[in-house]
Amino acid sequence: MVEPLECTEAPSCAPRTTGGVQAVPVPLSSLLARPFRLSGFALALALVALAVSPDGRPAAGAAGAAPRWLWPVGPPHIVSRPFIAPATTYAAGHRGIDIRVDGVAGLSAGAALGADVSAPADGVVHFVGTVVDRPVLSLRHAGGLVSSFEPVESHLVAGQRVSAGDLVGTVRVGTATPAHCPTPCLHFGVRLNGDYVSPLNFLGGITRSVLLPTRELR
């Protein structure tokens, strides 16, 4: 029986016999060049090991791992209208989510100012002002992310730093502000490098996709 051995240097590549069995050295380069296959289960385990840190959270360098943000308003977190991606940049869609605030503690249905709005993550105030007919607040975050909130009155100024959980404004409801929802709501939008994405990606409302093999690899 011929036993292949790893061979890294030319002088040691000569055949030798041990215990009646001839050992034929095989160059290391040829071993590395040989194709190998993983079973579907082993492949799935390898992908999980690369994407998940020891404590079960997405690894910092994992591709597609989004930071976990805080909800900008208190519970209950009822999304009255979901994110609807537009087909093109200027096509119709719903570039954010509407979160009902009529059930948030401390909000009166007839109040001019409603629920408190908190920063979902650390950032810098990007914009405070009126867009068309609604007060808008935008925050700039790391990773090319910008969050926006309307209708929100804010005491902040552009360039001011905020931390996750800081009070950044108050939802404005009442006759002075045109209704965006049938019931008082906060419109919460997120842009990634200029493109609108669903805020639920950062609030834990969308389960991350996991690719699974459709057949066993041999």
C-alpha atoms as a PDB file:
ATOM      1  CA  MET A   1       0.000   0.000   0.000  1.00  0.00           C
ATOM      2  CA  VAL A   2       1.317   3.443  -0.900  1.00  0.00           C
ATOM      3  CA  GLU A   3       0.908   6.125   1.763  1.00  0.00           C
ATOM      4  CA  PRO A   4       1.047   9.763   0.514  1.00  0.00           C
ATOM      5  CA  LEU A   5       3.102  12.047   2.718  1.00  0.00           C
ATOM      6  CA  GLU A   6       3.367  15.808   2.681  1.00  0.00           C
ATOM      7  CA  CYS A   7       6.534  16.993   0.951  1.00  0.00           C
ATOM      8  CA  THR A   8       7.777  20.552   1.312  1.00  0.00           C
ATOM      9  CA  GLU A   9      11.442  20.262   0.391  1.00  0.00           C
ATOM     10  CA  ALA A  10      13.078  18.506  -2.558  1.00  0.00           C
ATOM     11  CA  PRO A  11      15.634  16.414  -0.562  1.00  0.00           C
ATOM     12  CA  SER A  12      12.842  14.841   1.482  1.00  0.00           C
ATOM     13  CA  CYS A  13      10.787  13.899  -1.565  1.00  0.00           C
ATOM     14  CA  ALA A  14      12.469  10.567  -2.135  1.00  0.00           C
ATOM     15  CA  PRO A  15      10.316   7.447  -1.551  1.00  0.00           C
ATOM     16  CA  ARG A  16      10.950   5.682   1.744  1.00  0.00           C
ATOM     17  CA  THR A  17       9.673   2.478   3.324  1.00  0.00           C
ATOM     18  CA  THR A  18       8.411   2.253   6.908  1.00  0.00           C
ATOM     19  CA  GLY A  19       7.225  -1.045   8.366  1.00  0.00           C
ATOM     20  CA  GLY A  20       7.040  -2.693   4.966  1.00  0.00           C
ATOM     21  CA  VAL A  21       4.881   0.068   3.563  1.00  0.00           C
ATOM     22  CA  GLN A  22       6.347   2.298   0.892  1.00  0.00           C
ATOM     23  CA  ALA A  23       5.681   5.969   1.560  1.00  0.00           C
ATOM     24  CA  VAL A  24       5.545   8.195  -1.508  1.00  0.00           C
ATOM     25  CA  PRO A  25       5.897  11.902  -0.627  1.00  0.00           C
ATOM     26  CA  VAL A  26       3.392  14.203  -2.290  1.00  0.00           C
ATOM     27  CA  PRO A  27       4.222  17.908  -2.808  1.00  0.00           C
ATOM     28  CA  LEU A  28       2.200  20.208  -0.574  1.00  0.00           C
ATOM     29  CA  SER A  29       1.207  22.340  -3.576  1.00  0.00           C
ATOM     30  CA  SER A  30      -0.574  19.399  -5.168  1.00  0.00           C
ATOM     31  CA  LEU A  31      -2.530  18.741  -1.974  1.00  0.00           C
ATOM     32  CA  LEU A  32      -3.688  22.345  -1.812  1.00  0.00           C
ATOM     33  CA  ALA A  33      -4.679  22.288  -5.472  1.00  0.00           C
ATOM     34  CA  ARG A  34      -6.971  19.296  -5.061  1.00  0.00           C
ATOM     35  CA  PRO A  35     -10.681  20.223  -5.059  1.00  0.00           C
ATOM     36  CA  PHE A  36     -12.721  19.387  -2.003  1.00  0.00           C
ATOM     37  CA  ARG A  37     -16.405  19.643  -1.185  1.00  0.00           C
ATOM     38  CA  LEU A  38     -18.403  20.370   1.935  1.00  0.00           C
ATOM     39  CA  SER A  39     -21.732  18.846   2.789  1.00  0.00           C
ATOM     40  CA  GLY A  40     -24.685  21.225   2.897  1.00  0.00           C
ATOM     41  CA  PHE A  41     -24.753  21.043   6.706  1.00  0.00           C
ATOM     42  CA  ALA A  42     -21.032  21.785   6.996  1.00  0.00           C
ATOM     43  CA  LEU A  43     -21.356  24.689   4.565  1.00  0.00           C
ATOM     44  CA  ALA A  44     -24.228  26.186   6.567  1.00  0.00           C
ATOM     45  CA  LEU A  45     -22.214  25.883   9.780  1.00  0.00           C
ATOM     46  CA  ALA A  46     -19.258  27.610   8.146  1.00  0.00           C
ATOM     47  CA  LEU A  47     -21.421  30.536   7.010  1.00  0.00           C
ATOM     48  CA  VAL A  48     -22.944  30.919  10.476  1.00  0.00           C
ATOM     49  CA  ALA A  49     -19.516  30.850  12.100  1.00  0.00           C
ATOM     50  CA  LEU A  50     -18.349  33.668   9.839  1.00  0.00           C
ATOM     51  CA  ALA A  51     -21.432  35.852  10.362  1.00  0.00           C
ATOM     52  CA  VAL A  52     -22.103  35.431  14.102  1.00  0.00           C
ATOM     53  CA  SER A  53     -19.914  36.383  17.033  1.00  0.00           C
ATOM     54  CA  PRO A  54     -19.551  34.115  20.114  1.00  0.00           C
ATOM     55  CA  ASP A  55     -22.329  35.976  21.985  1.00  0.00           C
ATOM     56  CA  GLY A  56     -24.851  35.366  19.190  1.00  0.00           C
ATOM     57  CA  ARG A  57     -24.937  38.889  17.794  1.00  0.00           C
ATOM     58  CA  PRO A  58     -24.000  39.693  14.186  1.00  0.00           C
ATOM     59  CA  ALA A  59     -20.250  39.993  13.916  1.00  0.00           C
ATOM     60  CA  ALA A  60     -18.981  43.531  13.419  1.00  0.00           C
ATOM     61  CA  GLY A  61     -17.479  42.692  10.058  1.00  0.00           C
ATOM     62  CA  ALA A  62     -20.277  40.444   8.813  1.00  0.00           C
ATOM     63  CA  ALA A  63     -21.566  41.414   5.405  1.00  0.00           C
ATOM     64  CA  GLY A  64     -25.071  42.855   5.591  1.00  0.00           C
ATOM     65  CA  ALA A  65     -25.098  43.104   9.375  1.00  0.00           C
ATOM     66  CA  ALA A  66     -27.147  46.207  10.254  1.00  0.00           C
ATOM     67  CA  PRO A  67     -26.747  48.121  13.529  1.00  0.00           C
ATOM     68  CA  ARG A  68     -29.572  47.670  16.034  1.00  0.00           C
ATOM     69  CA  TRP A  69     -31.444  50.938  16.670  1.00  0.00           C
ATOM     70  CA  LEU A  70     -33.947  52.048  19.288  1.00  0.00           C
ATOM     71  CA  TRP A  71     -37.553  52.799  18.400  1.00  0.00           C
ATOM     72  CA  PRO A  72     -37.971  56.594  18.175  1.00  0.00           C
ATOM     73  CA  VAL A  73     -41.247  56.585  20.154  1.00  0.00           C
ATOM     74  CA  GLY A  74     -42.462  54.634  23.133  1.00  0.00           C
ATOM     75  CA  PRO A  75     -44.574  51.464  23.004  1.00  0.00           C
ATOM     76  CA  PRO A  76     -46.831  50.133  21.723  1.00  0.00           C
ATOM     77  CA  HIS A  77     -44.954  50.073  18.402  1.00  0.00           C
ATOM     78  CA  ILE A  78     -47.796  49.806  15.910  1.00  0.00           C
ATOM     79  CA  VAL A  79     -46.828  50.318  12.269  1.00  0.00           C
ATOM     80  CA  SER A  80     -49.918  51.648  10.521  1.00  0.00           C
ATOM     81  CA  ARG A  81     -48.268  51.792   7.102  1.00  0.00           C
ATOM     82  CA  PRO A  82     -45.157  49.849   6.059  1.00  0.00           C
ATOM     83  CA  PHE A  83     -42.216  50.814   3.879  1.00  0.00           C
ATOM     84  CA  ILE A  84     -42.930  50.467   0.149  1.00  0.00           C
ATOM     85  CA  ALA A  85     -39.850  50.719  -2.021  1.00  0.00           C
ATOM     86  CA  PRO A  86     -40.350  52.830  -5.155  1.00  0.00           C
ATOM     87  CA  ALA A  87     -39.647  51.151  -8.481  1.00  0.00           C
ATOM     88  CA  THR A  88     -37.363  54.034  -9.471  1.00  0.00           C
ATOM     89  CA  THR A  89     -35.863  57.036  -7.706  1.00  0.00           C
ATOM     90  CA  TYR A  90     -38.825  59.305  -8.422  1.00  0.00           C
ATOM     91  CA  ALA A  91     -41.599  56.704  -8.614  1.00  0.00           C
ATOM     92  CA  ALA A  92     -44.462  56.415  -6.157  1.00  0.00           C
ATOM     93  CA  GLY A  93     -43.859  54.524  -2.928  1.00  0.00           C
ATOM     94  CA  HIS A  94     -43.827  54.956   0.831  1.00  0.00           C
ATOM     95  CA  ARG A  95     -40.303  55.915   1.825  1.00  0.00           C
ATOM     96  CA  GLY A  96     -40.516  55.031   5.489  1.00  0.00           C
ATOM     97  CA  ILE A  97     -42.896  53.606   8.061  1.00  0.00           C
ATOM     98  CA  ASP A  98     -45.762  55.273   9.920  1.00  0.00           C
ATOM     99  CA  ILE A  99     -45.784  54.530  13.659  1.00  0.00           C
ATOM    100  CA  ARG A 100     -49.009  55.231  15.526  1.00  0.00           C
ATOM    101  CA  VAL A 101     -48.566  57.522  18.508  1.00  0.00           C
ATOM    102  CA  ASP A 102     -52.165  57.888  19.664  1.00  0.00           C
ATOM    103  CA  GLY A 103     -51.624  55.098  22.179  1.00  0.00           C
ATOM    104  CA  VAL A 104     -48.336  56.386  23.586  1.00  0.00           C
ATOM    105  CA  ALA A 105     -48.549  57.341  27.247  1.00  0.00           C
ATOM    106  CA  GLY A 106     -49.023  61.066  27.857  1.00  0.00           C
ATOM    107  CA  LEU A 107     -50.483  61.892  24.454  1.00  0.00           C
ATOM    108  CA  SER A 108     -53.821  63.642  24.290  1.00  0.00           C
ATOM    109  CA  ALA A 109     -55.755  63.247  21.034  1.00  0.00           C
ATOM    110  CA  GLY A 110     -56.442  66.993  20.909  1.00  0.00           C
ATOM    111  CA  ALA A 111     -53.001  68.158  21.955  1.00  0.00           C
ATOM    112  CA  ALA A 112     -50.917  70.430  19.743  1.00  0.00           C
ATOM    113  CA  LEU A 113     -47.796  68.492  20.695  1.00  0.00           C
ATOM    114  CA  GLY A 114     -47.796  64.729  21.079  1.00  0.00           C
ATOM    115  CA  ALA A 115     -45.354  61.935  21.776  1.00  0.00           C
ATOM    116  CA  ASP A 116     -41.689  62.465  22.524  1.00  0.00           C
ATOM    117  CA  VAL A 117     -39.256  61.439  19.801  1.00  0.00           C
ATOM    118  CA  SER A 118     -35.875  59.958  20.734  1.00  0.00           C
ATOM    119  CA  ALA A 119     -32.738  59.482  18.678  1.00  0.00           C
ATOM    120  CA  PRO A 120     -32.645  55.870  17.453  1.00  0.00           C
ATOM    121  CA  ALA A 121     -28.817  55.892  17.419  1.00  0.00           C
ATOM    122  CA  ASP A 122     -25.841  58.176  18.023  1.00  0.00           C
ATOM    123  CA  GLY A 123     -25.558  60.885  15.413  1.00  0.00           C
ATOM    124  CA  VAL A 124     -25.471  64.541  14.423  1.00  0.00           C
ATOM    125  CA  VAL A 125     -28.434  66.771  13.593  1.00  0.00           C
ATOM    126  CA  HIS A 126     -28.538  67.032   9.814  1.00  0.00           C
ATOM    127  CA  PHE A 127     -31.636  69.201   9.272  1.00  0.00           C
ATOM    128  CA  VAL A 128     -34.310  70.961  11.316  1.00  0.00           C
ATOM    129  CA  GLY A 129     -37.027  72.875   9.532  1.00  0.00           C
ATOM    130  CA  THR A 130     -40.181  72.792   7.444  1.00  0.00           C
ATOM    131  CA  VAL A 131     -40.503  70.761   4.255  1.00  0.00           C
ATOM    132  CA  VAL A 132     -43.559  71.817   2.228  1.00  0.00           C
ATOM    133  CA  ASP A 133     -46.044  71.978   5.108  1.00  0.00           C
ATOM    134  CA  ARG A 134     -44.567  69.707   7.802  1.00  0.00           C
ATOM    135  CA  PRO A 135     -41.849  70.175  10.443  1.00  0.00           C
ATOM    136  CA  VAL A 136     -39.025  67.698   9.748  1.00  0.00           C
ATOM    137  CA  LEU A 137     -36.001  66.554  11.725  1.00  0.00           C
ATOM    138  CA  SER A 138     -33.112  64.573  10.191  1.00  0.00           C
ATOM    139  CA  LEU A 139     -30.153  62.952  11.935  1.00  0.00           C
ATOM    140  CA  ARG A 140     -26.945  61.764  10.314  1.00  0.00           C
ATOM    141  CA  HIS A 141     -25.436  58.515  11.616  1.00  0.00           C
ATOM    142  CA  ALA A 142     -22.317  56.468  10.967  1.00  0.00           C
ATOM    143  CA  GLY A 143     -22.149  54.247   7.909  1.00  0.00           C
ATOM    144  CA  GLY A 144     -23.835  56.639   5.475  1.00  0.00           C
ATOM    145  CA  LEU A 145     -27.196  56.490   7.293  1.00  0.00           C
ATOM    146  CA  VAL A 146     -29.650  59.369   7.713  1.00  0.00           C
ATOM    147  CA  SER A 147     -32.866  59.087   9.724  1.00  0.00           C
ATOM    148  CA  SER A 148     -35.777  61.493   9.285  1.00  0.00           C
ATOM    149  CA  PHE A 149     -38.903  62.187  11.321  1.00  0.00           C
ATOM    150  CA  GLU A 150     -42.087  64.104  10.566  1.00  0.00           C
ATOM    151  CA  PRO A 151     -44.149  65.909  11.675  1.00  0.00           C
ATOM    152  CA  VAL A 152     -41.688  66.695  14.485  1.00  0.00           C
ATOM    153  CA  GLU A 153     -41.007  69.952  16.305  1.00  0.00           C
ATOM    154  CA  SER A 154     -37.423  70.101  17.610  1.00  0.00           C
ATOM    155  CA  HIS A 155     -35.342  72.477  19.720  1.00  0.00           C
ATOM    156  CA  LEU A 156     -32.102  71.140  18.209  1.00  0.00           C
ATOM    157  CA  VAL A 157     -29.880  72.879  15.665  1.00  0.00           C
ATOM    158  CA  ALA A 158     -27.922  71.481  12.734  1.00  0.00           C
ATOM    159  CA  GLY A 159     -24.520  70.123  13.739  1.00  0.00           C
ATOM    160  CA  GLN A 160     -25.559  69.273  17.294  1.00  0.00           C
ATOM    161  CA  ARG A 161     -24.520  65.805  18.486  1.00  0.00           C
ATOM    162  CA  VAL A 162     -27.042  63.413  19.984  1.00  0.00           C
ATOM    163  CA  SER A 163     -26.807  60.014  21.607  1.00  0.00           C
ATOM    164  CA  ALA A 164     -29.141  57.045  21.236  1.00  0.00           C
ATOM    165  CA  GLY A 165     -32.193  57.592  23.419  1.00  0.00           C
ATOM    166  CA  ASP A 166     -31.818  61.383  23.693  1.00  0.00           C
ATOM    167  CA  LEU A 167     -34.999  63.444  23.371  1.00  0.00           C
ATOM    168  CA  VAL A 168     -34.781  65.140  19.968  1.00  0.00           C
ATOM    169  CA  GLY A 169     -38.308  66.417  19.382  1.00  0.00           C
ATOM    170  CA  THR A 170     -42.036  65.978  19.742  1.00  0.00           C
ATOM    171  CA  VAL A 171     -44.634  64.703  17.306  1.00  0.00           C
ATOM    172  CA  ARG A 172     -46.846  67.595  16.244  1.00  0.00           C
ATOM    173  CA  VAL A 173     -50.501  66.670  15.873  1.00  0.00           C
ATOM    174  CA  GLY A 174     -53.602  68.749  15.550  1.00  0.00           C
ATOM    175  CA  THR A 175     -55.336  71.013  13.067  1.00  0.00           C
ATOM    176  CA  ALA A 176     -52.183  73.059  12.453  1.00  0.00           C
ATOM    177  CA  THR A 177     -50.439  70.118  10.770  1.00  0.00           C
ATOM    178  CA  PRO A 178     -51.930  68.351   7.711  1.00  0.00           C
ATOM    179  CA  ALA A 179     -52.761  64.743   8.529  1.00  0.00           C
ATOM    180  CA  HIS A 180     -50.304  62.186   7.182  1.00  0.00           C
ATOM    181  CA  CYS A 181     -52.207  59.297   8.773  1.00  0.00           C
ATOM    182  CA  PRO A 182     -55.850  58.652   9.714  1.00  0.00           C
ATOM    183  CA  THR A 183     -54.672  58.626  13.348  1.00  0.00           C
ATOM    184  CA  PRO A 184     -51.745  60.595  14.837  1.00  0.00           C
ATOM    185  CA  CYS A 185     -48.484  59.023  13.687  1.00  0.00           C
ATOM    186  CA  LEU A 186     -44.754  59.528  13.285  1.00  0.00           C
ATOM    187  CA  HIS A 187     -43.350  59.076   9.799  1.00  0.00           C
ATOM    188  CA  PHE A 188     -39.893  57.519  10.227  1.00  0.00           C
ATOM    189  CA  GLY A 189     -37.606  57.266   7.202  1.00  0.00           C
ATOM    190  CA  VAL A 190     -34.044  56.008   6.712  1.00  0.00           C
ATOM    191  CA  ARG A 191     -31.625  56.618   3.849  1.00  0.00           C
ATOM    192  CA  LEU A 192     -28.504  54.571   3.219  1.00  0.00           C
ATOM    193  CA  ASN A 193     -26.009  56.429   1.024  1.00  0.00           C
ATOM    194  CA  GLY A 194     -28.908  58.462  -0.341  1.00  0.00           C
ATOM    195  CA  ASP A 195     -31.275  55.557  -1.043  1.00  0.00           C
ATOM    196  CA  TYR A 196     -34.380  54.969   1.064  1.00  0.00           C
ATOM    197  CA  VAL A 197     -34.468  51.657   2.949  1.00  0.00           C
ATOM    198  CA  SER A 198     -36.902  50.180   5.452  1.00  0.00           C
ATOM    199  CA  PRO A 199     -36.329  51.400   9.020  1.00  0.00           C
ATOM    200  CA  LEU A 200     -37.368  47.932  10.199  1.00  0.00           C
ATOM    201  CA  ASN A 201     -33.973  46.704   9.001  1.00  0.00           C
ATOM    202  CA  PHE A 202     -32.507  48.551  11.968  1.00  0.00           C
ATOM    203  CA  LEU A 203     -35.300  47.991  14.488  1.00  0.00           C
ATOM    204  CA  GLY A 204     -35.207  44.199  14.330  1.00  0.00           C
ATOM    205  CA  GLY A 205     -38.547  43.963  12.529  1.00  0.00           C
ATOM    206  CA  ILE A 206     -37.176  42.093   9.515  1.00  0.00           C
ATOM    207  CA  THR A 207     -35.492  38.740   9.999  1.00  0.00           C
ATOM    208  CA  ARG A 208     -32.164  38.502   8.196  1.00  0.00           C
ATOM    209  CA  SER A 209     -32.175  36.233   5.170  1.00  0.00           C
ATOM    210  CA  VAL A 210     -30.235  32.980   5.473  1.00  0.00           C
ATOM    211  CA  LEU A 211     -29.222  31.097   2.342  1.00  0.00           C
ATOM    212  CA  LEU A 212     -29.771  27.354   2.640  1.00  0.00           C
ATOM    213  CA  PRO A 213     -28.607  24.682   0.188  1.00  0.00           C
ATOM    214  CA  THR A 214     -31.334  23.256  -2.029  1.00  0.00           C
ATOM    215  CA  ARG A 215     -29.569  19.901  -2.235  1.00  0.00           C
ATOM    216  CA  GLU A 216     -26.813  18.060  -0.439  1.00  0.00           C
ATOM    217  CA  LEU A 217     -23.343  18.801  -1.727  1.00  0.00           C
ATOM    218  CA  ARG A 218     -21.081  15.773  -2.190  1.00  0.00           C
END
